[in-house]
């Protein structure tokens, strides 16, 4: 079971819901809920939104970590992974928190010649800075109508509230670290 699947299962159990009941509330199949909870299926952001609504919680609750004063060690195999409908982009969420300024860091992966999702699909406050660091590959960072070509080791600091995205210029998978500052 992945950390994300375990969190969803725990939230469902707290509400005394069976998988079938959550599936009905989220307009999903019971099989899909079961596969997500067991870690056999990586849900898209759209599906996570449906699950959060079915549980009656903000989507960030699906990613919240432990209370203050404790340490949470995350193993790579346990990172919650988010995919996006219509894109090869996938996020491995490092630590805890997602949305409403709670994302701290994600490792984003794009398939060969892939393009990221539109920034309108990810909520961020204007003026909130983002650090973009290329881990692997050659990519183009699109920012406010401009195109900047970067390769492994290059970085950019940008206003996360301004339209932006990235694309993989290569024929192999590219990876980048996104960190929200503030």
Foldseek 3Di string as FASTA:
>chain_A
DALLLCLLVVLCVVVVHDLCQLCVQLVHHSVVNVCSNVVVDQEAPSSLCSSCVSSVHPSQSSFDDDDPPDDDDDDQVRFRKHHHPPWQKIWRQDHGGFAPLGRFKIKIKHAFQTWDDKLVVGDDDFPWKKKKAWQAAWKWKAWQNDTDIDGHGDMDIDGSVTIIIMTGHGNGMTIMMMGTDD
